């Protein structure tokens, strides 16, 4: 079960607009691929800004999703702050007692439950998973120290 990493093929990283909720990561599921995003996933993250520092503790993140038929993105997860990611180094974040978790958006969680989806949400070809941030800082998509791992998100490829 490979995890969702920043170096996954098909990920586009971009700078955000300061103080506006803006995408910094867009992953488009390739042909033959499937992503299973569970109801709850453990997340490890270190993201750096153009000033060389990490995001601030209070900066707000949220994952969204978009299908080809949708005009606008919809929330995939509840929002979360960068606080624990800044406080803990990656080694500490891997400690299961300290690993942060994020959950599906409450409306999406209800839909999954209604449809009998015990595992979570499946995304196939051309669906997008988008990470947005609202911060006064600007994300540096070229910083080699950037790291994002969604421990329980399953990326399945037919290749």
Protein backbone atom coordinates (compact mmCIF):
# COMPACT_ATOMS: atom_id res chain seq x y z
CA UNK A 1 0.00 0.00 0.00
CA UNK A 2 1.98 3.02 -1.15
CA UNK A 3 1.19 6.25 0.65
CA UNK A 4 0.43 9.61 -0.92
CA UNK A 5 3.76 11.45 -1.22
CA UNK A 6 4.73 14.82 -2.64
CA UNK A 7 6.88 13.05 -5.25
CA UNK A 8 3.94 11.05 -6.61
CA UNK A 9 3.59 11.35 -10.39
CA UNK A 10 0.84 13.78 -11.31
CA UNK A 11 1.32 16.23 -8.44
CA UNK A 12 1.52 19.91 -9.26
CA UNK A 13 2.86 22.24 -6.58
CA UNK A 14 2.21 25.97 -6.73
CA UNK A 15 2.52 29.14 -4.70
CA UNK A 16 -0.47 30.41 -2.79
CA UNK A 17 -1.89 33.90 -2.70
CA UNK A 18 -1.20 35.39 0.76
CA UNK A 19 -4.24 35.63 3.07
CA UNK A 20 -6.52 33.91 0.54
CA UNK A 21 -7.40 30.21 0.64
CA UNK A 22 -5.44 28.97 -2.37
CA UNK A 23 -4.33 25.60 -3.77
CA UNK A 24 -0.68 24.68 -3.19
CA UNK A 25 -0.95 21.05 -4.28
CA UNK A 26 -3.08 19.50 -7.01
CA UNK A 27 -2.95 15.75 -7.67
CA UNK A 28 -4.72 14.45 -10.76
CA UNK A 29 -5.38 10.72 -10.70
CA UNK A 30 -3.81 9.23 -13.85
CA UNK A 31 -5.52 6.82 -16.25
CA UNK A 32 -5.61 3.37 -14.68
CA UNK A 33 -5.13 4.81 -11.21
CA UNK A 34 -7.36 4.79 -8.16
CA UNK A 35 -6.96 6.63 -4.87
CA UNK A 36 -8.77 5.43 -1.76
CA UNK A 37 -9.07 8.29 0.74
CA UNK A 38 -10.27 6.79 4.05
CA UNK A 39 -12.63 8.36 6.57
CA UNK A 40 -9.62 9.20 8.72
CA UNK A 41 -5.94 9.29 7.78
CA UNK A 42 -2.70 9.92 9.58
CA UNK A 43 -0.74 12.81 8.10
CA UNK A 44 2.94 13.76 8.28
CA UNK A 45 3.86 17.15 6.90
CA UNK A 46 6.65 19.70 6.67
CA UNK A 47 6.03 22.53 4.21
CA UNK A 48 8.32 25.50 3.67
CA UNK A 49 7.70 29.04 2.52
CA UNK A 50 9.65 31.47 0.35
CA UNK A 51 11.16 33.05 3.49
CA UNK A 52 12.85 29.69 4.26
CA UNK A 53 10.67 28.97 7.27
CA UNK A 54 7.73 26.65 7.72
CA UNK A 55 4.13 27.81 7.71
CA UNK A 56 2.91 29.41 10.94
CA UNK A 57 1.17 27.32 13.60
CA UNK A 58 -2.20 28.96 12.98
CA UNK A 59 -2.19 28.62 9.19
CA UNK A 60 -5.25 26.70 8.02
CA UNK A 61 -5.19 23.79 5.55
CA UNK A 62 -7.94 21.74 3.95
CA UNK A 63 -8.10 19.05 1.27
CA UNK A 64 -10.67 19.41 -1.50
CA UNK A 65 -11.68 17.22 -4.43
CA UNK A 66 -12.93 17.91 -7.93
CA UNK A 67 -14.31 15.65 -10.64
CA UNK A 68 -14.20 16.59 -14.35
CA UNK A 69 -17.95 17.35 -14.28
CA UNK A 70 -17.70 19.74 -11.30
CA UNK A 71 -17.34 23.47 -11.78
CA UNK A 72 -15.88 24.06 -8.29
CA UNK A 73 -14.01 21.98 -5.73
CA UNK A 74 -15.79 20.50 -2.72
CA UNK A 75 -14.32 19.89 0.75
CA UNK A 76 -12.72 16.47 1.13
CA UNK A 77 -11.52 16.85 4.73
CA UNK A 78 -12.23 19.03 7.70
CA UNK A 79 -9.85 21.98 7.96
CA UNK A 80 -6.76 21.68 10.18
CA UNK A 81 -3.99 23.99 11.36
CA UNK A 82 -0.25 23.63 10.90
CA UNK A 83 0.41 23.80 14.66
CA UNK A 84 1.55 20.23 15.39
CA UNK A 85 3.46 19.92 12.12
CA UNK A 86 5.57 22.93 13.08
CA UNK A 87 6.08 21.78 16.66
CA UNK A 88 7.08 18.17 15.82
CA UNK A 89 9.90 17.10 13.51
CA UNK A 90 9.18 14.32 11.01
CA UNK A 91 10.71 11.66 13.27
CA UNK A 92 8.33 12.60 16.09
CA UNK A 93 5.40 12.76 13.68
CA UNK A 94 5.99 9.10 12.77
CA UNK A 95 5.42 8.10 16.41
CA UNK A 96 1.85 6.72 16.27
CA UNK A 97 1.06 8.36 19.61
CA UNK A 98 1.92 11.77 18.12
CA UNK A 99 0.84 11.36 14.48
CA UNK A 100 -1.83 13.87 13.50
CA UNK A 101 -5.03 12.66 11.87
CA UNK A 102 -7.47 14.35 9.54
CA UNK A 103 -11.02 13.22 8.83
CA UNK A 104 -13.36 13.48 5.88
CA UNK A 105 -15.55 16.55 5.72
CA UNK A 106 -18.71 15.94 7.79
CA UNK A 107 -21.05 16.27 4.78
CA UNK A 108 -18.91 13.87 2.74
CA UNK A 109 -18.73 11.49 5.72
CA UNK A 110 -22.54 11.35 5.78
CA UNK A 111 -22.66 10.59 2.04
CA UNK A 112 -20.08 7.81 2.43
CA UNK A 113 -22.06 6.30 5.30
CA UNK A 114 -25.32 6.58 3.34
CA UNK A 115 -23.78 4.80 0.36
CA UNK A 116 -22.45 2.04 2.60
CA UNK A 117 -18.84 3.04 2.00
CA UNK A 118 -17.07 1.64 5.01
CA UNK A 119 -13.59 2.46 3.72
CA UNK A 120 -13.87 5.99 2.41
CA UNK A 121 -13.97 7.76 -0.95
CA UNK A 122 -12.51 6.38 -4.20
CA UNK A 123 -11.11 8.68 -6.86
CA UNK A 124 -10.40 7.46 -10.39
CA UNK A 125 -8.97 8.90 -13.60
CA UNK A 126 -8.93 12.69 -13.91
CA UNK A 127 -10.30 13.30 -10.40
CA UNK A 128 -8.30 15.86 -8.46
CA UNK A 129 -7.24 15.99 -4.83
CA UNK A 130 -6.31 19.53 -3.86
CA UNK A 131 -4.59 20.91 -0.75
CA UNK A 132 -5.41 24.55 -0.02
CA UNK A 133 -3.89 26.86 2.56
CA UNK A 134 -4.83 30.21 4.04
CA UNK A 135 -1.65 31.91 5.24
CA UNK A 136 0.11 35.25 5.17
CA UNK A 137 3.18 33.33 3.97
CA UNK A 138 3.89 32.07 0.45
CA UNK A 139 4.58 28.37 -0.14
CA UNK A 140 7.87 27.52 -1.85
CA UNK A 141 7.05 24.63 -4.21
CA UNK A 142 10.74 24.18 -5.05
CA UNK A 143 12.05 23.62 -1.52
CA UNK A 144 13.49 20.07 -1.42
CA UNK A 145 12.60 19.78 2.29
CA UNK A 146 8.84 19.86 1.58
CA UNK A 147 7.25 16.61 2.71
CA UNK A 148 3.68 15.33 2.83
CA UNK A 149 2.60 11.79 3.58
CA UNK A 150 -0.96 10.62 4.05
CA UNK A 151 -0.24 7.33 5.78
CA UNK A 152 -3.58 5.65 5.15
CA UNK A 153 -4.43 6.97 1.70
CA UNK A 154 -4.02 4.15 -0.77
CA UNK A 155 -2.77 4.94 -4.26
CA UNK A 156 -3.39 2.01 -6.57
CA UNK A 157 -1.93 1.98 -10.06
CA UNK A 158 -2.61 -0.51 -12.81
CA UNK A 159 0.85 0.12 -14.27
